[in-house]
PDB file of N, CA and C in Angstrom:
ATOM      1  N   MET A   1     -11.412  22.398   5.030  1.00  0.00           N
ATOM      2  CA  MET A   1     -11.279  20.950   5.065  1.00  0.00           C
ATOM      3  C   MET A   1     -12.580  20.311   4.566  1.00  0.00           C
ATOM      4  N   ILE A   2     -12.445  19.335   3.686  1.00  0.00           N
ATOM      5  CA  ILE A   2     -13.605  18.624   3.162  1.00  0.00           C
ATOM      6  C   ILE A   2     -13.862  17.416   4.050  1.00  0.00           C
ATOM      7  N   VAL A   3     -14.991  17.417   4.742  1.00  0.00           N
ATOM      8  CA  VAL A   3     -15.310  16.342   5.677  1.00  0.00           C
ATOM      9  C   VAL A   3     -15.937  15.149   4.960  1.00  0.00           C
ATOM     10  N   ASN A   4     -16.672  15.404   3.902  1.00  0.00           N
ATOM     11  CA  ASN A   4     -17.453  14.374   3.233  1.00  0.00           C
ATOM     12  C   ASN A   4     -16.728  13.797   2.010  1.00  0.00           C
ATOM     13  N   MET A   5     -15.421  13.962   1.926  1.00  0.00           N
ATOM     14  CA  MET A   5     -14.655  13.470   0.789  1.00  0.00           C
ATOM     15  C   MET A   5     -14.637  11.941   0.767  1.00  0.00           C
ATOM     16  N   LYS A   6     -14.815  11.362  -0.426  1.00  0.00           N
ATOM     17  CA  LYS A   6     -14.831   9.906  -0.560  1.00  0.00           C
ATOM     18  C   LYS A   6     -13.551   9.420  -1.230  1.00  0.00           C
ATOM     19  N   ALA A   7     -13.368   8.121  -1.188  1.00  0.00           N
ATOM     20  CA  ALA A   7     -12.223   7.512  -1.860  1.00  0.00           C
ATOM     21  C   ALA A   7     -12.342   7.737  -3.363  1.00  0.00           C
ATOM     22  N   ARG A   8     -11.185   7.919  -4.011  1.00  0.00           N
ATOM     23  CA  ARG A   8     -11.157   8.151  -5.456  1.00  0.00           C
ATOM     24  C   ARG A   8     -10.250   7.108  -6.102  1.00  0.00           C
ATOM     25  N   LEU A   9     -10.795   6.385  -7.067  1.00  0.00           N
ATOM     26  CA  LEU A   9     -10.017   5.378  -7.784  1.00  0.00           C
ATOM     27  C   LEU A   9      -8.937   6.076  -8.614  1.00  0.00           C
ATOM     28  N   ILE A  10      -7.689   5.682  -8.417  1.00  0.00           N
ATOM     29  CA  ILE A  10      -6.569   6.244  -9.166  1.00  0.00           C
ATOM     30  C   ILE A  10      -6.255   5.376 -10.384  1.00  0.00           C
ATOM     31  N   GLN A  11      -6.102   4.081 -10.165  1.00  0.00           N
ATOM     32  CA  GLN A  11      -5.797   3.159 -11.256  1.00  0.00           C
ATOM     33  C   GLN A  11      -6.374   1.785 -10.955  1.00  0.00           C
ATOM     34  N   ARG A  12      -6.818   1.134 -11.999  1.00  0.00           N
ATOM     35  CA  ARG A  12      -7.262  -0.263 -11.902  1.00  0.00           C
ATOM     36  C   ARG A  12      -6.941  -0.934 -13.226  1.00  0.00           C
ATOM     37  N   ARG A  13      -6.280  -2.091 -13.145  1.00  0.00           N
ATOM     38  CA  ARG A  13      -5.930  -2.805 -14.365  1.00  0.00           C
ATOM     39  C   ARG A  13      -5.792  -4.291 -14.064  1.00  0.00           C
ATOM     40  N   LYS A  14      -6.172  -5.100 -15.045  1.00  0.00           N
ATOM     41  CA  LYS A  14      -5.983  -6.546 -14.955  1.00  0.00           C
ATOM     42  C   LYS A  14      -5.490  -7.027 -16.309  1.00  0.00           C
ATOM     43  N   LEU A  15      -4.381  -7.752 -16.298  1.00  0.00           N
ATOM     44  CA  LEU A  15      -3.774  -8.262 -17.517  1.00  0.00           C
ATOM     45  C   LEU A  15      -3.522  -9.757 -17.384  1.00  0.00           C
ATOM     46  N   THR A  16      -3.721 -10.478 -18.467  1.00  0.00           N
ATOM     47  CA  THR A  16      -3.348 -11.887 -18.513  1.00  0.00           C
ATOM     48  C   THR A  16      -2.141 -11.991 -19.437  1.00  0.00           C
ATOM     49  N   LEU A  17      -1.065 -12.541 -18.922  1.00  0.00           N
ATOM     50  CA  LEU A  17       0.172 -12.667 -19.691  1.00  0.00           C
ATOM     51  C   LEU A  17       0.106 -13.889 -20.599  1.00  0.00           C
ATOM     52  N   PRO A  18       0.921 -13.910 -21.659  1.00  0.00           N
ATOM     53  CA  PRO A  18       0.907 -15.046 -22.598  1.00  0.00           C
ATOM     54  C   PRO A  18       1.123 -16.405 -21.923  1.00  0.00           C
ATOM     55  N   ASP A  19       1.892 -16.431 -20.808  1.00  0.00           N
ATOM     56  CA  ASP A  19       2.148 -17.711 -20.131  1.00  0.00           C
ATOM     57  C   ASP A  19       1.037 -18.087 -19.153  1.00  0.00           C
ATOM     58  N   GLY A  20      -0.032 -17.285 -19.096  1.00  0.00           N
ATOM     59  CA  GLY A  20      -1.146 -17.575 -18.210  1.00  0.00           C
ATOM     60  C   GLY A  20      -1.083 -16.854 -16.880  1.00  0.00           C
ATOM     61  N   GLY A  21       0.000 -16.142 -16.619  1.00  0.00           N
ATOM     62  CA  GLY A  21       0.114 -15.365 -15.390  1.00  0.00           C
ATOM     63  C   GLY A  21      -0.864 -14.196 -15.386  1.00  0.00           C
ATOM     64  N   THR A  22      -1.167 -13.700 -14.200  1.00  0.00           N
ATOM     65  CA  THR A  22      -2.088 -12.582 -14.042  1.00  0.00           C
ATOM     66  C   THR A  22      -1.415 -11.436 -13.312  1.00  0.00           C
ATOM     67  N   VAL A  23      -1.600 -10.239 -13.838  1.00  0.00           N
ATOM     68  CA  VAL A  23      -1.167  -9.009 -13.183  1.00  0.00           C
ATOM     69  C   VAL A  23      -2.432  -8.204 -12.932  1.00  0.00           C
ATOM     70  N   GLU A  24      -2.648  -7.836 -11.675  1.00  0.00           N
ATOM     71  CA  GLU A  24      -3.837  -7.065 -11.337  1.00  0.00           C
ATOM     72  C   GLU A  24      -3.483  -6.067 -10.246  1.00  0.00           C
ATOM     73  N   TYR A  25      -3.950  -4.830 -10.420  1.00  0.00           N
ATOM     74  CA  TYR A  25      -3.714  -3.849  -9.369  1.00  0.00           C
ATOM     75  C   TYR A  25      -4.838  -2.827  -9.301  1.00  0.00           C
ATOM     76  N   VAL A  26      -5.033  -2.341  -8.069  1.00  0.00           N
ATOM     77  CA  VAL A  26      -6.043  -1.321  -7.773  1.00  0.00           C
ATOM     78  C   VAL A  26      -5.400  -0.345  -6.788  1.00  0.00           C
ATOM     79  N   ILE A  27      -5.523   0.947  -7.082  1.00  0.00           N
ATOM     80  CA  ILE A  27      -4.971   1.984  -6.209  1.00  0.00           C
ATOM     81  C   ILE A  27      -6.033   3.050  -5.999  1.00  0.00           C
ATOM     82  N   TRP A  28      -6.305   3.355  -4.743  1.00  0.00           N
ATOM     83  CA  TRP A  28      -7.295   4.364  -4.357  1.00  0.00           C
ATOM     84  C   TRP A  28      -6.608   5.505  -3.608  1.00  0.00           C
ATOM     85  N   LYS A  29      -7.124   6.704  -3.752  1.00  0.00           N
ATOM     86  CA  LYS A  29      -6.716   7.825  -2.903  1.00  0.00           C
ATOM     87  C   LYS A  29      -7.838   8.027  -1.897  1.00  0.00           C
ATOM     88  N   LEU A  30      -7.489   8.044  -0.629  1.00  0.00           N
ATOM     89  CA  LEU A  30      -8.457   8.121   0.463  1.00  0.00           C
ATOM     90  C   LEU A  30      -8.409   9.497   1.132  1.00  0.00           C
ATOM     91  N   PRO A  31      -9.469   9.846   1.845  1.00  0.00           N
ATOM     92  CA  PRO A  31      -9.436  11.111   2.582  1.00  0.00           C
ATOM     93  C   PRO A  31      -8.506  11.054   3.793  1.00  0.00           C
ATOM     94  N   HIS A  32      -8.244   9.850   4.314  1.00  0.00           N
ATOM     95  CA  HIS A  32      -7.383   9.656   5.482  1.00  0.00           C
ATOM     96  C   HIS A  32      -6.569   8.383   5.285  1.00  0.00           C
ATOM     97  N   PRO A  33      -5.388   8.292   5.875  1.00  0.00           N
ATOM     98  CA  PRO A  33      -4.581   7.068   5.733  1.00  0.00           C
ATOM     99  C   PRO A  33      -5.285   5.828   6.299  1.00  0.00           C
ATOM    100  N   VAL A  34      -4.977   4.685   5.709  1.00  0.00           N
ATOM    101  CA  VAL A  34      -5.403   3.398   6.231  1.00  0.00           C
ATOM    102  C   VAL A  34      -4.618   3.160   7.522  1.00  0.00           C
ATOM    103  N   MET A  35      -5.257   2.598   8.533  1.00  0.00           N
ATOM    104  CA  MET A  35      -4.567   2.325   9.786  1.00  0.00           C
ATOM    105  C   MET A  35      -3.301   1.502   9.512  1.00  0.00           C
ATOM    106  N   GLY A  36      -2.161   1.998   9.978  1.00  0.00           N
ATOM    107  CA  GLY A  36      -0.884   1.334   9.764  1.00  0.00           C
ATOM    108  C   GLY A  36      -0.045   1.977   8.676  1.00  0.00           C
ATOM    109  N   SER A  37      -0.632   2.874   7.874  1.00  0.00           N
ATOM    110  CA  SER A  37       0.092   3.578   6.816  1.00  0.00           C
ATOM    111  C   SER A  37       0.121   5.072   7.134  1.00  0.00           C
ATOM    112  N   HIS A  38       1.079   5.774   6.516  1.00  0.00           N
ATOM    113  CA  HIS A  38       1.235   7.207   6.768  1.00  0.00           C
ATOM    114  C   HIS A  38       0.980   8.040   5.518  1.00  0.00           C
ATOM    115  N   HIS A  39       0.168   7.535   4.625  1.00  0.00           N
ATOM    116  CA  HIS A  39      -0.153   8.241   3.380  1.00  0.00           C
ATOM    117  C   HIS A  39      -1.625   7.979   3.072  1.00  0.00           C
ATOM    118  N   GLN A  40      -2.153   8.657   2.084  1.00  0.00           N
ATOM    119  CA  GLN A  40      -3.584   8.575   1.794  1.00  0.00           C
ATOM    120  C   GLN A  40      -3.924   7.632   0.650  1.00  0.00           C
ATOM    121  N   TYR A  41      -3.143   6.583   0.464  1.00  0.00           N
ATOM    122  CA  TYR A  41      -3.410   5.625  -0.608  1.00  0.00           C
ATOM    123  C   TYR A  41      -3.701   4.244  -0.031  1.00  0.00           C
ATOM    124  N   LYS A  42      -4.617   3.570  -0.673  1.00  0.00           N
ATOM    125  CA  LYS A  42      -4.936   2.169  -0.384  1.00  0.00           C
ATOM    126  C   LYS A  42      -4.646   1.426  -1.671  1.00  0.00           C
ATOM    127  N   TYR A  43      -3.850   0.360  -1.592  1.00  0.00           N
ATOM    128  CA  TYR A  43      -3.467  -0.320  -2.820  1.00  0.00           C
ATOM    129  C   TYR A  43      -3.376  -1.825  -2.620  1.00  0.00           C
ATOM    130  N   ARG A  44      -3.550  -2.511  -3.744  1.00  0.00           N
ATOM    131  CA  ARG A  44      -3.425  -3.968  -3.797  1.00  0.00           C
ATOM    132  C   ARG A  44      -2.877  -4.316  -5.175  1.00  0.00           C
ATOM    133  N   LEU A  45      -1.681  -4.828  -5.228  1.00  0.00           N
ATOM    134  CA  LEU A  45      -1.033  -5.186  -6.485  1.00  0.00           C
ATOM    135  C   LEU A  45      -0.682  -6.665  -6.432  1.00  0.00           C
ATOM    136  N   TYR A  46      -1.009  -7.386  -7.487  1.00  0.00           N
ATOM    137  CA  TYR A  46      -0.874  -8.850  -7.480  1.00  0.00           C
ATOM    138  C   TYR A  46      -0.282  -9.327  -8.791  1.00  0.00           C
ATOM    139  N   PHE A  47       0.661 -10.241  -8.693  1.00  0.00           N
ATOM    140  CA  PHE A  47       1.149 -11.007  -9.833  1.00  0.00           C
ATOM    141  C   PHE A  47       1.209 -12.449  -9.390  1.00  0.00           C
ATOM    142  N   GLY A  48       0.558 -13.318 -10.159  1.00  0.00           N
ATOM    143  CA  GLY A  48       0.571 -14.726  -9.806  1.00  0.00           C
ATOM    144  C   GLY A  48       0.255 -15.600 -11.003  1.00  0.00           C
ATOM    145  N   LYS A  49       0.343 -16.885 -10.749  1.00  0.00           N
ATOM    146  CA  LYS A  49       0.048 -17.858 -11.790  1.00  0.00           C
ATOM    147  C   LYS A  49      -0.508 -19.113 -11.135  1.00  0.00           C
ATOM    148  N   ASP A  50      -1.524 -19.680 -11.760  1.00  0.00           N
ATOM    149  CA  ASP A  50      -2.166 -20.904 -11.265  1.00  0.00           C
ATOM    150  C   ASP A  50      -2.645 -20.740  -9.821  1.00  0.00           C
ATOM    151  N   GLY A  51      -3.129 -19.530  -9.485  1.00  0.00           N
ATOM    152  CA  GLY A  51      -3.671 -19.274  -8.152  1.00  0.00           C
ATOM    153  C   GLY A  51      -2.633 -19.043  -7.070  1.00  0.00           C
ATOM    154  N   ILE A  52      -1.367 -18.968  -7.442  1.00  0.00           N
ATOM    155  CA  ILE A  52      -0.287 -18.763  -6.469  1.00  0.00           C
ATOM    156  C   ILE A  52       0.261 -17.349  -6.624  1.00  0.00           C
ATOM    157  N   ARG A  53       0.254 -16.582  -5.533  1.00  0.00           N
ATOM    158  CA  ARG A  53       0.819 -15.232  -5.563  1.00  0.00           C
ATOM    159  C   ARG A  53       2.341 -15.333  -5.593  1.00  0.00           C
ATOM    160  N   ILE A  54       2.939 -14.672  -6.567  1.00  0.00           N
ATOM    161  CA  ILE A  54       4.391 -14.638  -6.714  1.00  0.00           C
ATOM    162  C   ILE A  54       4.922 -13.300  -6.205  1.00  0.00           C
ATOM    163  N   VAL A  55       4.232 -12.225  -6.573  1.00  0.00           N
ATOM    164  CA  VAL A  55       4.581 -10.871  -6.132  1.00  0.00           C
ATOM    165  C   VAL A  55       3.305 -10.168  -5.716  1.00  0.00           C
ATOM    166  N   GLY A  56       3.331  -9.512  -4.570  1.00  0.00           N
ATOM    167  CA  GLY A  56       2.184  -8.719  -4.137  1.00  0.00           C
ATOM    168  C   GLY A  56       2.646  -7.534  -3.306  1.00  0.00           C
ATOM    169  N   PHE A  57       1.974  -6.419  -3.474  1.00  0.00           N
ATOM    170  CA  PHE A  57       2.216  -5.234  -2.654  1.00  0.00           C
ATOM    171  C   PHE A  57       0.856  -4.787  -2.144  1.00  0.00           C
ATOM    172  N   ASP A  58       0.740  -4.488  -0.849  1.00  0.00           N
ATOM    173  CA  ASP A  58      -0.523  -3.982  -0.330  1.00  0.00           C
ATOM    174  C   ASP A  58      -0.314  -3.286   1.007  1.00  0.00           C
ATOM    175  N   ASN A  59      -1.350  -2.628   1.448  1.00  0.00           N
ATOM    176  CA  ASN A  59      -1.334  -1.987   2.765  1.00  0.00           C
ATOM    177  C   ASN A  59      -2.655  -2.296   3.466  1.00  0.00           C
ATOM    178  N   GLU A  60      -2.840  -3.558   3.719  1.00  0.00           N
ATOM    179  CA  GLU A  60      -4.022  -4.036   4.417  1.00  0.00           C
ATOM    180  C   GLU A  60      -4.170  -3.316   5.757  1.00  0.00           C
ATOM    181  N   ARG A  61      -5.391  -2.983   6.083  1.00  0.00           N
ATOM    182  CA  ARG A  61      -5.696  -2.249   7.312  1.00  0.00           C
ATOM    183  C   ARG A  61      -5.026  -2.898   8.528  1.00  0.00           C
ATOM    184  N   GLY A  62      -4.277  -2.092   9.262  1.00  0.00           N
ATOM    185  CA  GLY A  62      -3.619  -2.562  10.471  1.00  0.00           C
ATOM    186  C   GLY A  62      -2.262  -3.216  10.243  1.00  0.00           C
ATOM    187  N   LYS A  63      -1.950  -3.595   8.999  1.00  0.00           N
ATOM    188  CA  LYS A  63      -0.673  -4.259   8.710  1.00  0.00           C
ATOM    189  C   LYS A  63       0.334  -3.315   8.080  1.00  0.00           C
ATOM    190  N   GLY A  64      -0.109  -2.158   7.640  1.00  0.00           N
ATOM    191  CA  GLY A  64       0.797  -1.202   7.023  1.00  0.00           C
ATOM    192  C   GLY A  64       1.276  -1.646   5.655  1.00  0.00           C
ATOM    193  N   ASP A  65       2.223  -0.899   5.117  1.00  0.00           N
ATOM    194  CA  ASP A  65       2.762  -1.157   3.785  1.00  0.00           C
ATOM    195  C   ASP A  65       3.701  -2.360   3.835  1.00  0.00           C
ATOM    196  N   HIS A  66       3.489  -3.303   2.926  1.00  0.00           N
ATOM    197  CA  HIS A  66       4.345  -4.480   2.863  1.00  0.00           C
ATOM    198  C   HIS A  66       4.255  -5.120   1.485  1.00  0.00           C
ATOM    199  N   CYS A  67       5.169  -6.039   1.231  1.00  0.00           N
ATOM    200  CA  CYS A  67       5.128  -6.762  -0.026  1.00  0.00           C
ATOM    201  C   CYS A  67       5.304  -8.254   0.242  1.00  0.00           C
ATOM    202  N   HIS A  68       4.852  -9.025  -0.710  1.00  0.00           N
ATOM    203  CA  HIS A  68       4.965 -10.483  -0.672  1.00  0.00           C
ATOM    204  C   HIS A  68       5.803 -10.886  -1.881  1.00  0.00           C
ATOM    205  N   LEU A  69       6.914 -11.558  -1.626  1.00  0.00           N
ATOM    206  CA  LEU A  69       7.814 -11.975  -2.693  1.00  0.00           C
ATOM    207  C   LEU A  69       8.124 -13.454  -2.527  1.00  0.00           C
ATOM    208  N   ASP A  70       7.668 -14.249  -3.478  1.00  0.00           N
ATOM    209  CA  ASP A  70       7.947 -15.687  -3.483  1.00  0.00           C
ATOM    210  C   ASP A  70       7.568 -16.362  -2.170  1.00  0.00           C
ATOM    211  N   GLY A  71       6.416 -15.995  -1.633  1.00  0.00           N
ATOM    212  CA  GLY A  71       5.915 -16.643  -0.428  1.00  0.00           C
ATOM    213  C   GLY A  71       6.368 -16.040   0.883  1.00  0.00           C
ATOM    214  N   GLN A  72       7.178 -14.993   0.843  1.00  0.00           N
ATOM    215  CA  GLN A  72       7.630 -14.345   2.066  1.00  0.00           C
ATOM    216  C   GLN A  72       7.111 -12.907   2.116  1.00  0.00           C
ATOM    217  N   LYS A  73       6.884 -12.414   3.322  1.00  0.00           N
ATOM    218  CA  LYS A  73       6.369 -11.062   3.534  1.00  0.00           C
ATOM    219  C   LYS A  73       7.505 -10.166   4.032  1.00  0.00           C
ATOM    220  N   PHE A  74       7.576  -8.949   3.449  1.00  0.00           N
ATOM    221  CA  PHE A  74       8.604  -7.974   3.806  1.00  0.00           C
ATOM    222  C   PHE A  74       7.979  -6.593   3.995  1.00  0.00           C
ATOM    223  N   PRO A  75       8.551  -5.761   4.857  1.00  0.00           N
ATOM    224  CA  PRO A  75       8.078  -4.381   4.957  1.00  0.00           C
ATOM    225  C   PRO A  75       8.346  -3.657   3.632  1.00  0.00           C
ATOM    226  N   TYR A  76       7.519  -2.676   3.319  1.00  0.00           N
ATOM    227  CA  TYR A  76       7.706  -1.880   2.115  1.00  0.00           C
ATOM    228  C   TYR A  76       7.613  -0.405   2.489  1.00  0.00           C
ATOM    229  N   GLN A  77       8.532   0.398   1.980  1.00  0.00           N
ATOM    230  CA  GLN A  77       8.544   1.831   2.247  1.00  0.00           C
ATOM    231  C   GLN A  77       7.860   2.559   1.092  1.00  0.00           C
ATOM    232  N   PHE A  78       6.578   2.880   1.281  1.00  0.00           N
ATOM    233  CA  PHE A  78       5.819   3.612   0.257  1.00  0.00           C
ATOM    234  C   PHE A  78       6.319   5.045   0.184  1.00  0.00           C
ATOM    235  N   THR A  79       6.588   5.520  -1.047  1.00  0.00           N
ATOM    236  CA  THR A  79       6.959   6.926  -1.238  1.00  0.00           C
ATOM    237  C   THR A  79       5.928   7.651  -2.098  1.00  0.00           C
ATOM    238  N   ASN A  80       5.547   7.020  -3.226  1.00  0.00           N
ATOM    239  CA  ASN A  80       4.522   7.590  -4.105  1.00  0.00           C
ATOM    240  C   ASN A  80       4.024   6.501  -5.050  1.00  0.00           C
ATOM    241  N   VAL A  81       2.959   6.803  -5.767  1.00  0.00           N
ATOM    242  CA  VAL A  81       2.320   5.804  -6.633  1.00  0.00           C
ATOM    243  C   VAL A  81       3.248   5.369  -7.762  1.00  0.00           C
ATOM    244  N   ASP A  82       3.966   6.308  -8.372  1.00  0.00           N
ATOM    245  CA  ASP A  82       4.866   5.945  -9.473  1.00  0.00           C
ATOM    246  C   ASP A  82       5.950   4.964  -9.009  1.00  0.00           C
ATOM    247  N   ASP A  83       6.560   5.238  -7.855  1.00  0.00           N
ATOM    248  CA  ASP A  83       7.581   4.327  -7.331  1.00  0.00           C
ATOM    249  C   ASP A  83       6.990   2.970  -6.971  1.00  0.00           C
ATOM    250  N   LEU A  84       5.786   2.964  -6.423  1.00  0.00           N
ATOM    251  CA  LEU A  84       5.100   1.711  -6.097  1.00  0.00           C
ATOM    252  C   LEU A  84       4.953   0.848  -7.352  1.00  0.00           C
ATOM    253  N   LEU A  85       4.435   1.440  -8.421  1.00  0.00           N
ATOM    254  CA  LEU A  85       4.255   0.688  -9.663  1.00  0.00           C
ATOM    255  C   LEU A  85       5.591   0.247 -10.252  1.00  0.00           C
ATOM    256  N   ASN A  86       6.604   1.107 -10.201  1.00  0.00           N
ATOM    257  CA  ASN A  86       7.939   0.723 -10.700  1.00  0.00           C
ATOM    258  C   ASN A  86       8.517  -0.430  -9.896  1.00  0.00           C
ATOM    259  N   ASP A  87       8.374  -0.384  -8.575  1.00  0.00           N
ATOM    260  CA  ASP A  87       8.870  -1.468  -7.730  1.00  0.00           C
ATOM    261  C   ASP A  87       8.136  -2.774  -8.034  1.00  0.00           C
ATOM    262  N   PHE A  88       6.832  -2.701  -8.171  1.00  0.00           N
ATOM    263  CA  PHE A  88       5.998  -3.864  -8.464  1.00  0.00           C
ATOM    264  C   PHE A  88       6.410  -4.507  -9.794  1.00  0.00           C
ATOM    265  N   PHE A  89       6.441  -3.696 -10.854  1.00  0.00           N
ATOM    266  CA  PHE A  89       6.782  -4.251 -12.162  1.00  0.00           C
ATOM    267  C   PHE A  89       8.245  -4.692 -12.231  1.00  0.00           C
ATOM    268  N   GLY A  90       9.124  -4.052 -11.470  1.00  0.00           N
ATOM    269  CA  GLY A  90      10.510  -4.497 -11.396  1.00  0.00           C
ATOM    270  C   GLY A  90      10.619  -5.891 -10.801  1.00  0.00           C
ATOM    271  N   GLU A  91       9.855  -6.149  -9.745  1.00  0.00           N
ATOM    272  CA  GLU A  91       9.863  -7.485  -9.128  1.00  0.00           C
ATOM    273  C   GLU A  91       9.292  -8.532 -10.088  1.00  0.00           C
ATOM    274  N   ILE A  92       8.270  -8.172 -10.833  1.00  0.00           N
ATOM    275  CA  ILE A  92       7.706  -9.102 -11.824  1.00  0.00           C
ATOM    276  C   ILE A  92       8.752  -9.414 -12.893  1.00  0.00           C
ATOM    277  N   GLU A  93       9.396  -8.381 -13.417  1.00  0.00           N
ATOM    278  CA  GLU A  93      10.405  -8.585 -14.468  1.00  0.00           C
ATOM    279  C   GLU A  93      11.535  -9.488 -13.993  1.00  0.00           C
ATOM    280  N   ARG A  94      11.979  -9.316 -12.753  1.00  0.00           N
ATOM    281  CA  ARG A  94      13.054 -10.175 -12.214  1.00  0.00           C
ATOM    282  C   ARG A  94      12.639 -11.646 -12.240  1.00  0.00           C
ATOM    283  N   ARG A  95      11.390 -11.903 -11.949  1.00  0.00           N
ATOM    284  CA  ARG A  95      10.927 -13.285 -11.913  1.00  0.00           C
ATOM    285  C   ARG A  95      10.683 -13.839 -13.314  1.00  0.00           C
ATOM    286  N   LEU A  96      10.266 -12.991 -14.230  1.00  0.00           N
ATOM    287  CA  LEU A  96      10.046 -13.458 -15.606  1.00  0.00           C
ATOM    288  C   LEU A  96      11.358 -13.694 -16.332  1.00  0.00           C
ATOM    289  N   ASP A  97      12.404 -12.989 -15.918  1.00  0.00           N
ATOM    290  CA  ASP A  97      13.718 -13.142 -16.556  1.00  0.00           C
ATOM    291  C   ASP A  97      14.451 -14.400 -16.101  1.00  0.00           C
ATOM    292  N   LYS A  98      13.979 -15.071 -15.058  1.00  0.00           N
ATOM    293  CA  LYS A  98      14.663 -16.273 -14.529  1.00  0.00           C
ATOM    294  C   LYS A  98      14.584 -17.405 -15.507  1.00  0.00           C
TER     295      LYS A  98
END
């Protein structure tokens, strides 16, 4: 067992969309789960415009995995990083298609 293992950045990206919207996400792999989560990832995914969050996924310490959709908070069932990103971008696409 590695006792001195540190967090490792998995992905970080920030994009500005043609309409002025922002997509930003950061995903870390941790040596131990964040309090409230049952996996070793810490993540923050954001899509918004004009300072207003439209879609967000995160696992803030003590709050566990959840998402923010159009101003409401919902539980989120984290399975893996690929599914997290697919779910995030799927929610963005639904809102851009409106």
